């Protein structure tokens, strides 16, 4: 999702539901070989008649290739190495609803698998 469309979405949510609580976080994960993968997540939380909701945009480097490193010994575990793009990014938008019973966010999924904004 382009930055302009993301800002338009946030503007529309603010008009419809009032004040948005904006947050931002960068997480670093590692593949099996030890290469760092940095994921950037920005999200907004807001109150609706259905309860507390969250819309997140997750940005990460595009995976160009996967390399499998096998072991030929019994009981050995293979490793996966990801080759990441330096310039290209992928983005995913996720809609979640707060579950008061479990005290955690639950992702809302549609039958087609995508959410139209």
PDB file of N, CA and C in Angstrom:
ATOM      1  N   UNK A   1       0.849  -1.176   0.000  1.00  0.00           N
ATOM      2  CA  UNK A   1       0.000   0.000   0.000  1.00  0.00           C
ATOM      3  C   UNK A   1       0.890   1.233   0.000  1.00  0.00           C
ATOM      4  N   UNK A   2       0.665   2.096  -0.945  1.00  0.00           N
ATOM      5  CA  UNK A   2       1.450   3.313  -1.047  1.00  0.00           C
ATOM      6  C   UNK A   2       1.175   4.222   0.151  1.00  0.00           C
ATOM      7  N   UNK A   3       2.157   5.075   0.459  1.00  0.00           N
ATOM      8  CA  UNK A   3       2.036   5.970   1.608  1.00  0.00           C
ATOM      9  C   UNK A   3       0.810   6.881   1.495  1.00  0.00           C
ATOM     10  N   UNK A   4       0.505   7.362   0.279  1.00  0.00           N
ATOM     11  CA  UNK A   4      -0.640   8.248   0.092  1.00  0.00           C
ATOM     12  C   UNK A   4      -1.948   7.526   0.410  1.00  0.00           C
ATOM     13  N   UNK A   5      -2.068   6.286  -0.039  1.00  0.00           N
ATOM     14  CA  UNK A   5      -3.284   5.515   0.226  1.00  0.00           C
ATOM     15  C   UNK A   5      -3.410   5.189   1.710  1.00  0.00           C
ATOM     16  N   UNK A   6      -2.285   4.901   2.361  1.00  0.00           N
ATOM     17  CA  UNK A   6      -2.293   4.631   3.794  1.00  0.00           C
ATOM     18  C   UNK A   6      -2.785   5.868   4.553  1.00  0.00           C
ATOM     19  N   UNK A   7      -2.267   7.043   4.197  1.00  0.00           N
ATOM     20  CA  UNK A   7      -2.694   8.277   4.859  1.00  0.00           C
ATOM     21  C   UNK A   7      -4.165   8.579   4.574  1.00  0.00           C
ATOM     22  N   UNK A   8      -4.631   8.303   3.348  1.00  0.00           N
ATOM     23  CA  UNK A   8      -6.052   8.481   3.022  1.00  0.00           C
ATOM     24  C   UNK A   8      -6.918   7.569   3.881  1.00  0.00           C
ATOM     25  N   UNK A   9      -6.485   6.316   4.052  1.00  0.00           N
ATOM     26  CA  UNK A   9      -7.217   5.372   4.893  1.00  0.00           C
ATOM     27  C   UNK A   9      -7.300   5.881   6.332  1.00  0.00           C
ATOM     28  N   UNK A  10      -6.180   6.377   6.858  1.00  0.00           N
ATOM     29  CA  UNK A  10      -6.172   6.902   8.227  1.00  0.00           C
ATOM     30  C   UNK A  10      -7.064   8.130   8.365  1.00  0.00           C
ATOM     31  N   UNK A  11      -7.049   8.996   7.351  1.00  0.00           N
ATOM     32  CA  UNK A  11      -7.922  10.171   7.370  1.00  0.00           C
ATOM     33  C   UNK A  11      -9.393   9.760   7.395  1.00  0.00           C
ATOM     34  N   UNK A  12      -9.758   8.772   6.566  1.00  0.00           N
ATOM     35  CA  UNK A  12     -11.141   8.287   6.525  1.00  0.00           C
ATOM     36  C   UNK A  12     -11.553   7.673   7.867  1.00  0.00           C
ATOM     37  N   UNK A  13     -10.654   6.907   8.485  1.00  0.00           N
ATOM     38  CA  UNK A  13     -10.955   6.308   9.786  1.00  0.00           C
ATOM     39  C   UNK A  13     -11.141   7.383  10.856  1.00  0.00           C
ATOM     40  N   UNK A  14     -10.319   8.422  10.790  1.00  0.00           N
ATOM     41  CA  UNK A  14     -10.413   9.489  11.781  1.00  0.00           C
ATOM     42  C   UNK A  14     -11.725  10.264  11.638  1.00  0.00           C
ATOM     43  N   UNK A  15     -12.146  10.480  10.407  1.00  0.00           N
ATOM     44  CA  UNK A  15     -13.417  11.169  10.174  1.00  0.00           C
ATOM     45  C   UNK A  15     -14.581  10.320  10.698  1.00  0.00           C
ATOM     46  N   UNK A  16     -14.510   9.005  10.456  1.00  0.00           N
ATOM     47  CA  UNK A  16     -15.605   8.116  10.838  1.00  0.00           C
ATOM     48  C   UNK A  16     -15.653   7.805  12.331  1.00  0.00           C
ATOM     49  N   UNK A  17     -14.483   7.575  12.956  1.00  0.00           N
ATOM     50  CA  UNK A  17     -14.456   7.063  14.323  1.00  0.00           C
ATOM     51  C   UNK A  17     -13.806   7.994  15.338  1.00  0.00           C
ATOM     52  N   UNK A  18     -13.319   9.131  14.920  1.00  0.00           N
ATOM     53  CA  UNK A  18     -12.714  10.067  15.867  1.00  0.00           C
ATOM     54  C   UNK A  18     -11.220   9.859  16.007  1.00  0.00           C
ATOM     55  N   UNK A  19     -10.703  10.202  17.182  1.00  0.00           N
ATOM     56  CA  UNK A  19      -9.263  10.195  17.423  1.00  0.00           C
ATOM     57  C   UNK A  19      -8.659   8.806  17.251  1.00  0.00           C
ATOM     58  N   UNK A  20      -7.521   8.758  16.542  1.00  0.00           N
ATOM     59  CA  UNK A  20      -6.784   7.519  16.325  1.00  0.00           C
ATOM     60  C   UNK A  20      -5.545   7.504  17.202  1.00  0.00           C
ATOM     61  N   UNK A  21      -5.245   6.360  17.770  1.00  0.00           N
ATOM     62  CA  UNK A  21      -4.034   6.182  18.562  1.00  0.00           C
ATOM     63  C   UNK A  21      -2.986   5.541  17.650  1.00  0.00           C
ATOM     64  N   UNK A  22      -2.010   6.339  17.160  1.00  0.00           N
ATOM     65  CA  UNK A  22      -1.007   5.859  16.199  1.00  0.00           C
ATOM     66  C   UNK A  22       0.222   5.336  16.919  1.00  0.00           C
ATOM     67  N   UNK A  23       0.742   4.200  16.436  1.00  0.00           N
ATOM     68  CA  UNK A  23       1.941   3.592  17.013  1.00  0.00           C
ATOM     69  C   UNK A  23       2.827   3.060  15.902  1.00  0.00           C
ATOM     70  N   UNK A  24       4.098   2.877  16.229  1.00  0.00           N
ATOM     71  CA  UNK A  24       5.097   2.431  15.252  1.00  0.00           C
ATOM     72  C   UNK A  24       6.119   1.551  15.971  1.00  0.00           C
ATOM     73  N   UNK A  25       6.570   0.490  15.294  1.00  0.00           N
ATOM     74  CA  UNK A  25       7.519  -0.432  15.914  1.00  0.00           C
ATOM     75  C   UNK A  25       8.359  -1.108  14.831  1.00  0.00           C
ATOM     76  N   UNK A  26       9.628  -1.335  15.140  1.00  0.00           N
ATOM     77  CA  UNK A  26      10.513  -2.078  14.244  1.00  0.00           C
ATOM     78  C   UNK A  26      10.972  -3.330  14.978  1.00  0.00           C
ATOM     79  N   UNK A  27      10.779  -4.491  14.345  1.00  0.00           N
ATOM     80  CA  UNK A  27      11.188  -5.761  14.928  1.00  0.00           C
ATOM     81  C   UNK A  27      12.248  -6.395  14.040  1.00  0.00           C
ATOM     82  N   UNK A  28      13.203  -7.041  14.660  1.00  0.00           N
ATOM     83  CA  UNK A  28      14.227  -7.759  13.906  1.00  0.00           C
ATOM     84  C   UNK A  28      14.079  -9.250  14.198  1.00  0.00           C
ATOM     85  N   UNK A  29      13.963 -10.049  13.139  1.00  0.00           N
ATOM     86  CA  UNK A  29      13.957 -11.500  13.274  1.00  0.00           C
ATOM     87  C   UNK A  29      15.151 -12.045  12.515  1.00  0.00           C
ATOM     88  N   UNK A  30      15.433 -13.318  12.690  1.00  0.00           N
ATOM     89  CA  UNK A  30      16.583 -13.947  12.038  1.00  0.00           C
ATOM     90  C   UNK A  30      16.131 -15.221  11.344  1.00  0.00           C
ATOM     91  N   UNK A  31      16.731 -15.490  10.181  1.00  0.00           N
ATOM     92  CA  UNK A  31      16.466 -16.765   9.530  1.00  0.00           C
ATOM     93  C   UNK A  31      17.336 -17.837  10.187  1.00  0.00           C
ATOM     94  N   UNK A  32      17.271 -19.069   9.690  1.00  0.00           N
ATOM     95  CA  UNK A  32      17.998 -20.189  10.313  1.00  0.00           C
ATOM     96  C   UNK A  32      19.511 -20.012  10.266  1.00  0.00           C
ATOM     97  N   UNK A  33      20.000 -19.250   9.290  1.00  0.00           N
ATOM     98  CA  UNK A  33      21.445 -19.062   9.125  1.00  0.00           C
ATOM     99  C   UNK A  33      21.944 -17.893   9.972  1.00  0.00           C
ATOM    100  N   UNK A  34      21.054 -17.014  10.391  1.00  0.00           N
ATOM    101  CA  UNK A  34      21.434 -15.899  11.244  1.00  0.00           C
ATOM    102  C   UNK A  34      21.331 -14.536  10.586  1.00  0.00           C
ATOM    103  N   UNK A  35      20.861 -14.469   9.343  1.00  0.00           N
ATOM    104  CA  UNK A  35      20.676 -13.178   8.677  1.00  0.00           C
ATOM    105  C   UNK A  35      19.501 -12.439   9.312  1.00  0.00           C
ATOM    106  N   UNK A  36      19.665 -11.135   9.496  1.00  0.00           N
ATOM    107  CA  UNK A  36      18.628 -10.325  10.130  1.00  0.00           C
ATOM    108  C   UNK A  36      17.579  -9.884   9.112  1.00  0.00           C
ATOM    109  N   UNK A  37      16.317  -9.984   9.505  1.00  0.00           N
ATOM    110  CA  UNK A  37      15.195  -9.516   8.698  1.00  0.00           C
ATOM    111  C   UNK A  37      14.461  -8.481   9.540  1.00  0.00           C
ATOM    112  N   UNK A  38      14.431  -7.222   9.063  1.00  0.00           N
ATOM    113  CA  UNK A  38      13.805  -6.128   9.823  1.00  0.00           C
ATOM    114  C   UNK A  38      12.387  -5.886   9.308  1.00  0.00           C
ATOM    115  N   UNK A  39      11.412  -5.998  10.205  1.00  0.00           N
ATOM    116  CA  UNK A  39      10.009  -5.759   9.890  1.00  0.00           C
ATOM    117  C   UNK A  39       9.573  -4.469  10.562  1.00  0.00           C
ATOM    118  N   UNK A  40       8.957  -3.598   9.801  1.00  0.00           N
ATOM    119  CA  UNK A  40       8.463  -2.334  10.336  1.00  0.00           C
ATOM    120  C   UNK A  40       6.936  -2.397  10.373  1.00  0.00           C
ATOM    121  N   UNK A  41       6.364  -2.111  11.520  1.00  0.00           N
ATOM    122  CA  UNK A  41       4.912  -2.147  11.658  1.00  0.00           C
ATOM    123  C   UNK A  41       4.420  -0.816  12.207  1.00  0.00           C
ATOM    124  N   UNK A  42       3.443  -0.252  11.522  1.00  0.00           N
ATOM    125  CA  UNK A  42       2.776   0.941  12.027  1.00  0.00           C
ATOM    126  C   UNK A  42       1.288   0.624  12.077  1.00  0.00           C
ATOM    127  N   UNK A  43       0.633   1.092  13.138  1.00  0.00           N
ATOM    128  CA  UNK A  43      -0.772   0.773  13.286  1.00  0.00           C
ATOM    129  C   UNK A  43      -1.509   1.888  14.008  1.00  0.00           C
ATOM    130  N   UNK A  44      -2.825   1.827  13.871  1.00  0.00           N
ATOM    131  CA  UNK A  44      -3.710   2.748  14.571  1.00  0.00           C
ATOM    132  C   UNK A  44      -4.761   1.923  15.305  1.00  0.00           C
ATOM    133  N   UNK A  45      -5.109   2.387  16.500  1.00  0.00           N
ATOM    134  CA  UNK A  45      -6.166   1.757  17.283  1.00  0.00           C
ATOM    135  C   UNK A  45      -7.287   2.774  17.434  1.00  0.00           C
ATOM    136  N   UNK A  46      -8.540   2.295  17.394  1.00  0.00           N
ATOM    137  CA  UNK A  46      -9.682   3.190  17.483  1.00  0.00           C
ATOM    138  C   UNK A  46     -10.894   2.422  17.992  1.00  0.00           C
ATOM    139  N   UNK A  47     -11.850   3.163  18.543  1.00  0.00           N
ATOM    140  CA  UNK A  47     -13.085   2.583  19.071  1.00  0.00           C
ATOM    141  C   UNK A  47     -14.184   2.651  18.013  1.00  0.00           C
ATOM    142  N   UNK A  48     -14.913   1.545  17.869  1.00  0.00           N
ATOM    143  CA  UNK A  48     -16.044   1.464  16.953  1.00  0.00           C
ATOM    144  C   UNK A  48     -17.246   0.917  17.720  1.00  0.00           C
ATOM    145  N   UNK A  49     -18.424   0.925  17.119  1.00  0.00           N
ATOM    146  CA  UNK A  49     -19.564   0.275  17.775  1.00  0.00           C
ATOM    147  C   UNK A  49     -19.343  -1.219  18.009  1.00  0.00           C
ATOM    148  N   UNK A  50     -18.478  -1.848  17.222  1.00  0.00           N
ATOM    149  CA  UNK A  50     -18.160  -3.271  17.406  1.00  0.00           C
ATOM    150  C   UNK A  50     -17.120  -3.497  18.493  1.00  0.00           C
ATOM    151  N   UNK A  51     -16.484  -2.444  18.981  1.00  0.00           N
ATOM    152  CA  UNK A  51     -15.442  -2.565  19.989  1.00  0.00           C
ATOM    153  C   UNK A  51     -14.137  -1.956  19.492  1.00  0.00           C
ATOM    154  N   UNK A  52     -13.071  -2.271  20.189  1.00  0.00           N
ATOM    155  CA  UNK A  52     -11.754  -1.724  19.855  1.00  0.00           C
ATOM    156  C   UNK A  52     -11.188  -2.443  18.625  1.00  0.00           C
ATOM    157  N   UNK A  53     -10.721  -1.657  17.644  1.00  0.00           N
ATOM    158  CA  UNK A  53     -10.189  -2.200  16.391  1.00  0.00           C
ATOM    159  C   UNK A  53      -8.787  -1.662  16.157  1.00  0.00           C
ATOM    160  N   UNK A  54      -8.043  -2.379  15.298  1.00  0.00           N
ATOM    161  CA  UNK A  54      -6.684  -1.984  14.950  1.00  0.00           C
ATOM    162  C   UNK A  54      -6.454  -2.267  13.468  1.00  0.00           C
ATOM    163  N   UNK A  55      -5.870  -1.293  12.774  1.00  0.00           N
ATOM    164  CA  UNK A  55      -5.451  -1.474  11.380  1.00  0.00           C
ATOM    165  C   UNK A  55      -3.933  -1.320  11.358  1.00  0.00           C
ATOM    166  N   UNK A  56      -3.245  -2.355  10.851  1.00  0.00           N
ATOM    167  CA  UNK A  56      -1.778  -2.381  10.825  1.00  0.00           C
ATOM    168  C   UNK A  56      -1.274  -2.426   9.396  1.00  0.00           C
ATOM    169  N   UNK A  57      -0.123  -1.799   9.179  1.00  0.00           N
ATOM    170  CA  UNK A  57       0.596  -1.918   7.905  1.00  0.00           C
ATOM    171  C   UNK A  57       1.979  -2.454   8.232  1.00  0.00           C
ATOM    172  N   UNK A  58       2.288  -3.635   7.711  1.00  0.00           N
ATOM    173  CA  UNK A  58       3.557  -4.303   7.982  1.00  0.00           C
ATOM    174  C   UNK A  58       4.411  -4.226   6.725  1.00  0.00           C
ATOM    175  N   UNK A  59       5.612  -3.666   6.861  1.00  0.00           N
ATOM    176  CA  UNK A  59       6.538  -3.507   5.740  1.00  0.00           C
ATOM    177  C   UNK A  59       7.777  -4.333   6.022  1.00  0.00           C
ATOM    178  N   UNK A  60       8.197  -5.125   5.030  1.00  0.00           N
ATOM    179  CA  UNK A  60       9.404  -5.936   5.166  1.00  0.00           C
ATOM    180  C   UNK A  60      10.093  -6.059   3.810  1.00  0.00           C
ATOM    181  N   UNK A  61      11.369  -6.411   3.804  1.00  0.00           N
ATOM    182  CA  UNK A  61      12.064  -6.570   2.530  1.00  0.00           C
ATOM    183  C   UNK A  61      11.470  -7.730   1.725  1.00  0.00           C
ATOM    184  N   UNK A  62      11.492  -7.593   0.409  1.00  0.00           N
ATOM    185  CA  UNK A  62      10.985  -8.643  -0.454  1.00  0.00           C
ATOM    186  C   UNK A  62      11.967  -9.823  -0.475  1.00  0.00           C
ATOM    187  N   UNK A  63      11.432 -11.026  -0.358  1.00  0.00           N
ATOM    188  CA  UNK A  63      12.260 -12.232  -0.428  1.00  0.00           C
ATOM    189  C   UNK A  63      12.466 -12.565  -1.902  1.00  0.00           C
ATOM    190  N   UNK A  64      13.727 -12.564  -2.314  1.00  0.00           N
ATOM    191  CA  UNK A  64      14.064 -12.854  -3.708  1.00  0.00           C
ATOM    192  C   UNK A  64      14.258 -14.345  -3.924  1.00  0.00           C
ATOM    193  N   UNK A  65      14.868 -14.998  -2.943  1.00  0.00           N
ATOM    194  CA  UNK A  65      15.198 -16.417  -3.092  1.00  0.00           C
ATOM    195  C   UNK A  65      15.260 -17.068  -1.720  1.00  0.00           C
ATOM    196  N   UNK A  66      15.035 -18.373  -1.695  1.00  0.00           N
ATOM    197  CA  UNK A  66      15.173 -19.193  -0.495  1.00  0.00           C
ATOM    198  C   UNK A  66      16.210 -20.248  -0.790  1.00  0.00           C
ATOM    199  N   UNK A  67      17.206 -20.347   0.077  1.00  0.00           N
ATOM    200  CA  UNK A  67      18.232 -21.373  -0.098  1.00  0.00           C
ATOM    201  C   UNK A  67      18.092 -22.381   1.030  1.00  0.00           C
ATOM    202  N   UNK A  68      18.020 -23.650   0.671  1.00  0.00           N
ATOM    203  CA  UNK A  68      17.905 -24.714   1.662  1.00  0.00           C
ATOM    204  C   UNK A  68      19.268 -25.357   1.866  1.00  0.00           C
ATOM    205  N   UNK A  69      19.664 -25.454   3.121  1.00  0.00           N
ATOM    206  CA  UNK A  69      20.921 -26.106   3.482  1.00  0.00           C
ATOM    207  C   UNK A  69      20.562 -27.411   4.197  1.00  0.00           C
ATOM    208  N   UNK A  70      20.827 -28.535   3.525  1.00  0.00           N
ATOM    209  CA  UNK A  70      20.464 -29.840   4.059  1.00  0.00           C
ATOM    210  C   UNK A  70      21.647 -30.469   4.780  1.00  0.00           C
ATOM    211  N   UNK A  71      21.320 -31.336   5.725  1.00  0.00           N
ATOM    212  CA  UNK A  71      22.350 -32.171   6.339  1.00  0.00           C
ATOM    213  C   UNK A  71      22.073 -33.600   5.905  1.00  0.00           C
ATOM    214  N   UNK A  72      23.124 -34.371   5.745  1.00  0.00           N
ATOM    215  CA  UNK A  72      22.968 -35.745   5.276  1.00  0.00           C
ATOM    216  C   UNK A  72      23.168 -36.749   6.404  1.00  0.00           C
ATOM    217  N   UNK A  73      23.069 -36.274   7.634  1.00  0.00           N
ATOM    218  CA  UNK A  73      23.194 -37.200   8.755  1.00  0.00           C
ATOM    219  C   UNK A  73      21.809 -37.492   9.321  1.00  0.00           C
ATOM    220  N   UNK A  74      21.687 -38.624   9.973  1.00  0.00           N
ATOM    221  CA  UNK A  74      20.401 -39.022  10.546  1.00  0.00           C
ATOM    222  C   UNK A  74      20.016 -38.058  11.665  1.00  0.00           C
ATOM    223  N   UNK A  75      18.795 -37.616  11.625  1.00  0.00           N
ATOM    224  CA  UNK A  75      18.297 -36.721  12.658  1.00  0.00           C
ATOM    225  C   UNK A  75      18.754 -35.288  12.496  1.00  0.00           C
ATOM    226  N   UNK A  76      19.504 -34.992  11.445  1.00  0.00           N
ATOM    227  CA  UNK A  76      19.974 -33.636  11.215  1.00  0.00           C
ATOM    228  C   UNK A  76      18.850 -32.743  10.732  1.00  0.00           C
ATOM    229  N   UNK A  77      18.955 -31.489  11.053  1.00  0.00           N
ATOM    230  CA  UNK A  77      17.913 -30.527  10.691  1.00  0.00           C
ATOM    231  C   UNK A  77      18.437 -29.609   9.589  1.00  0.00           C
ATOM    232  N   UNK A  78      17.631 -29.411   8.543  1.00  0.00           N
ATOM    233  CA  UNK A  78      18.009 -28.490   7.481  1.00  0.00           C
ATOM    234  C   UNK A  78      17.801 -27.052   7.915  1.00  0.00           C
ATOM    235  N   UNK A  79      18.439 -26.139   7.199  1.00  0.00           N
ATOM    236  CA  UNK A  79      18.317 -24.721   7.500  1.00  0.00           C
ATOM    237  C   UNK A  79      17.861 -23.979   6.254  1.00  0.00           C
ATOM    238  N   UNK A  80      17.140 -22.879   6.467  1.00  0.00           N
ATOM    239  CA  UNK A  80      16.650 -22.053   5.368  1.00  0.00           C
ATOM    240  C   UNK A  80      17.316 -20.691   5.464  1.00  0.00           C
ATOM    241  N   UNK A  81      17.876 -20.253   4.332  1.00  0.00           N
ATOM    242  CA  UNK A  81      18.476 -18.931   4.248  1.00  0.00           C
ATOM    243  C   UNK A  81      17.660 -18.115   3.255  1.00  0.00           C
ATOM    244  N   UNK A  82      17.252 -16.909   3.659  1.00  0.00           N
ATOM    245  CA  UNK A  82      16.470 -16.031   2.788  1.00  0.00           C
ATOM    246  C   UNK A  82      17.379 -14.992   2.160  1.00  0.00           C
ATOM    247  N   UNK A  83      17.233 -14.803   0.852  1.00  0.00           N
ATOM    248  CA  UNK A  83      17.942 -13.744   0.142  1.00  0.00           C
ATOM    249  C   UNK A  83      16.944 -12.602  -0.031  1.00  0.00           C
ATOM    250  N   UNK A  84      17.281 -11.435   0.541  1.00  0.00           N
ATOM    251  CA  UNK A  84      16.365 -10.299   0.562  1.00  0.00           C
ATOM    252  C   UNK A  84      16.804  -9.206  -0.398  1.00  0.00           C
ATOM    253  N   UNK A  85      15.825  -8.477  -0.921  1.00  0.00           N
ATOM    254  CA  UNK A  85      16.110  -7.349  -1.798  1.00  0.00           C
ATOM    255  C   UNK A  85      16.541  -6.143  -0.968  1.00  0.00           C
ATOM    256  N   UNK A  86      17.495  -5.393  -1.486  1.00  0.00           N
ATOM    257  CA  UNK A  86      17.938  -4.175  -0.807  1.00  0.00           C
ATOM    258  C   UNK A  86      17.008  -2.994  -1.087  1.00  0.00           C
ATOM    259  N   UNK A  87      16.295  -3.042  -2.202  1.00  0.00           N
ATOM    260  CA  UNK A  87      15.488  -1.896  -2.614  1.00  0.00           C
ATOM    261  C   UNK A  87      13.984  -2.158  -2.552  1.00  0.00           C
ATOM    262  N   UNK A  88      13.525  -3.366  -2.848  1.00  0.00           N
ATOM    263  CA  UNK A  88      12.102  -3.668  -2.926  1.00  0.00           C
ATOM    264  C   UNK A  88      11.544  -4.061  -1.558  1.00  0.00           C
ATOM    265  N   UNK A  89      10.320  -3.607  -1.286  1.00  0.00           N
ATOM    266  CA  UNK A  89       9.635  -3.906  -0.030  1.00  0.00           C
ATOM    267  C   UNK A  89       8.273  -4.511  -0.326  1.00  0.00           C
ATOM    268  N   UNK A  90       7.768  -5.301   0.610  1.00  0.00           N
ATOM    269  CA  UNK A  90       6.396  -5.793   0.534  1.00  0.00           C
ATOM    270  C   UNK A  90       5.631  -5.212   1.710  1.00  0.00           C
ATOM    271  N   UNK A  91       4.342  -4.972   1.490  1.00  0.00           N
ATOM    272  CA  UNK A  91       3.514  -4.424   2.550  1.00  0.00           C
ATOM    273  C   UNK A  91       2.225  -5.212   2.644  1.00  0.00           C
ATOM    274  N   UNK A  92       1.751  -5.331   3.872  1.00  0.00           N
ATOM    275  CA  UNK A  92       0.519  -6.061   4.142  1.00  0.00           C
ATOM    276  C   UNK A  92      -0.309  -5.237   5.118  1.00  0.00           C
ATOM    277  N   UNK A  93      -1.598  -5.127   4.856  1.00  0.00           N
ATOM    278  CA  UNK A  93      -2.503  -4.401   5.751  1.00  0.00           C
ATOM    279  C   UNK A  93      -3.383  -5.433   6.443  1.00  0.00           C
ATOM    280  N   UNK A  94      -3.471  -5.326   7.780  1.00  0.00           N
ATOM    281  CA  UNK A  94      -4.210  -6.286   8.588  1.00  0.00           C
ATOM    282  C   UNK A  94      -5.222  -5.545   9.453  1.00  0.00           C
ATOM    283  N   UNK A  95      -6.446  -6.046   9.494  1.00  0.00           N
ATOM    284  CA  UNK A  95      -7.482  -5.512  10.367  1.00  0.00           C
ATOM    285  C   UNK A  95      -7.680  -6.485  11.519  1.00  0.00           C
ATOM    286  N   UNK A  96      -7.651  -5.970  12.757  1.00  0.00           N
ATOM    287  CA  UNK A  96      -7.792  -6.825  13.944  1.00  0.00           C
ATOM    288  C   UNK A  96      -8.818  -6.233  14.894  1.00  0.00           C
ATOM    289  N   UNK A  97      -9.429  -7.119  15.685  1.00  0.00           N
ATOM    290  CA  UNK A  97     -10.408  -6.718  16.696  1.00  0.00           C
ATOM    291  C   UNK A  97      -9.911  -7.201  18.047  1.00  0.00           C
ATOM    292  N   UNK A  98     -10.088  -6.387  19.077  1.00  0.00           N
ATOM    293  CA  UNK A  98      -9.655  -6.737  20.426  1.00  0.00           C
ATOM    294  C   UNK A  98     -10.638  -7.735  21.034  1.00  0.00           C
ATOM    295  N   UNK A  99     -10.102  -8.856  21.545  1.00  0.00           N
ATOM    296  CA  UNK A  99     -10.908  -9.871  22.206  1.00  0.00           C
ATOM    297  C   UNK A  99     -10.760  -9.668  23.716  1.00  0.00           C
ATOM    298  N   UNK A 100     -11.835  -9.268  24.389  1.00  0.00           N
ATOM    299  CA  UNK A 100     -11.781  -9.008  25.829  1.00  0.00           C
ATOM    300  C   UNK A 100     -11.593 -10.279  26.650  1.00  0.00           C
ATOM    301  N   UNK A 101     -12.051 -11.419  26.146  1.00  0.00           N
ATOM    302  CA  UNK A 101     -11.911 -12.665  26.895  1.00  0.00           C
ATOM    303  C   UNK A 101     -10.466 -13.140  26.946  1.00  0.00           C
ATOM    304  N   UNK A 102      -9.762 -13.057  25.818  1.00  0.00           N
ATOM    305  CA  UNK A 102      -8.367 -13.525  25.747  1.00  0.00           C
ATOM    306  C   UNK A 102      -7.355 -12.411  25.967  1.00  0.00           C
ATOM    307  N   UNK A 103      -7.824 -11.164  25.989  1.00  0.00           N
ATOM    308  CA  UNK A 103      -6.938  -9.995  26.090  1.00  0.00           C
ATOM    309  C   UNK A 103      -5.859 -10.005  25.008  1.00  0.00           C
ATOM    310  N   UNK A 104      -6.290 -10.196  23.768  1.00  0.00           N
ATOM    311  CA  UNK A 104      -5.355 -10.166  22.637  1.00  0.00           C
ATOM    312  C   UNK A 104      -6.090  -9.763  21.367  1.00  0.00           C
ATOM    313  N   UNK A 105      -5.301  -9.354  20.366  1.00  0.00           N
ATOM    314  CA  UNK A 105      -5.854  -8.968  19.071  1.00  0.00           C
ATOM    315  C   UNK A 105      -6.124 -10.211  18.251  1.00  0.00           C
ATOM    316  N   UNK A 106      -7.280 -10.242  17.565  1.00  0.00           N
ATOM    317  CA  UNK A 106      -7.634 -11.328  16.656  1.00  0.00           C
ATOM    318  C   UNK A 106      -7.793 -10.754  15.257  1.00  0.00           C
ATOM    319  N   UNK A 107      -7.072 -11.326  14.315  1.00  0.00           N
ATOM    320  CA  UNK A 107      -7.132 -10.847  12.934  1.00  0.00           C
ATOM    321  C   UNK A 107      -8.486 -11.173  12.326  1.00  0.00           C
ATOM    322  N   UNK A 108      -9.060 -10.210  11.626  1.00  0.00           N
ATOM    323  CA  UNK A 108     -10.333 -10.411  10.940  1.00  0.00           C
ATOM    324  C   UNK A 108     -10.035 -10.812   9.509  1.00  0.00           C
ATOM    325  N   UNK A 109     -10.558 -11.950   9.104  1.00  0.00           N
ATOM    326  CA  UNK A 109     -10.331 -12.457   7.751  1.00  0.00           C
ATOM    327  C   UNK A 109     -11.659 -12.542   7.020  1.00  0.00           C
ATOM    328  N   UNK A 110     -11.614 -12.277   5.720  1.00  0.00           N
ATOM    329  CA  UNK A 110     -12.791 -12.401   4.880  1.00  0.00           C
ATOM    330  C   UNK A 110     -12.686 -13.706   4.112  1.00  0.00           C
ATOM    331  N   UNK A 111     -13.790 -14.225   3.585  1.00  0.00           N
ATOM    332  CA  UNK A 111     -13.729 -15.491   2.832  1.00  0.00           C
ATOM    333  C   UNK A 111     -12.771 -15.426   1.640  1.00  0.00           C
ATOM    334  N   UNK A 112     -12.659 -14.263   0.997  1.00  0.00           N
ATOM    335  CA  UNK A 112     -11.764 -14.152  -0.162  1.00  0.00           C
ATOM    336  C   UNK A 112     -10.314 -13.973   0.257  1.00  0.00           C
ATOM    337  N   UNK A 113     -10.083 -13.678   1.550  1.00  0.00           N
ATOM    338  CA  UNK A 113      -8.710 -13.559   2.041  1.00  0.00           C
ATOM    339  C   UNK A 113      -8.169 -12.156   2.030  1.00  0.00           C
ATOM    340  N   UNK A 114      -8.882 -11.223   1.431  1.00  0.00           N
ATOM    341  CA  UNK A 114      -8.388  -9.837   1.410  1.00  0.00           C
ATOM    342  C   UNK A 114      -9.478  -8.896   1.900  1.00  0.00           C
ATOM    343  N   UNK A 115      -9.060  -7.760   2.386  1.00  0.00           N
ATOM    344  CA  UNK A 115      -9.987  -6.774   2.919  1.00  0.00           C
ATOM    345  C   UNK A 115      -9.958  -5.564   1.992  1.00  0.00           C
ATOM    346  N   UNK A 116     -11.121  -5.104   1.585  1.00  0.00           N
ATOM    347  CA  UNK A 116     -11.226  -3.946   0.704  1.00  0.00           C
ATOM    348  C   UNK A 116     -11.469  -2.703   1.543  1.00  0.00           C
ATOM    349  N   UNK A 117     -10.646  -1.677   1.346  1.00  0.00           N
ATOM    350  CA  UNK A 117     -10.821  -0.415   2.064  1.00  0.00           C
ATOM    351  C   UNK A 117     -11.323   0.649   1.118  1.00  0.00           C
TER     352      UNK A 117
END
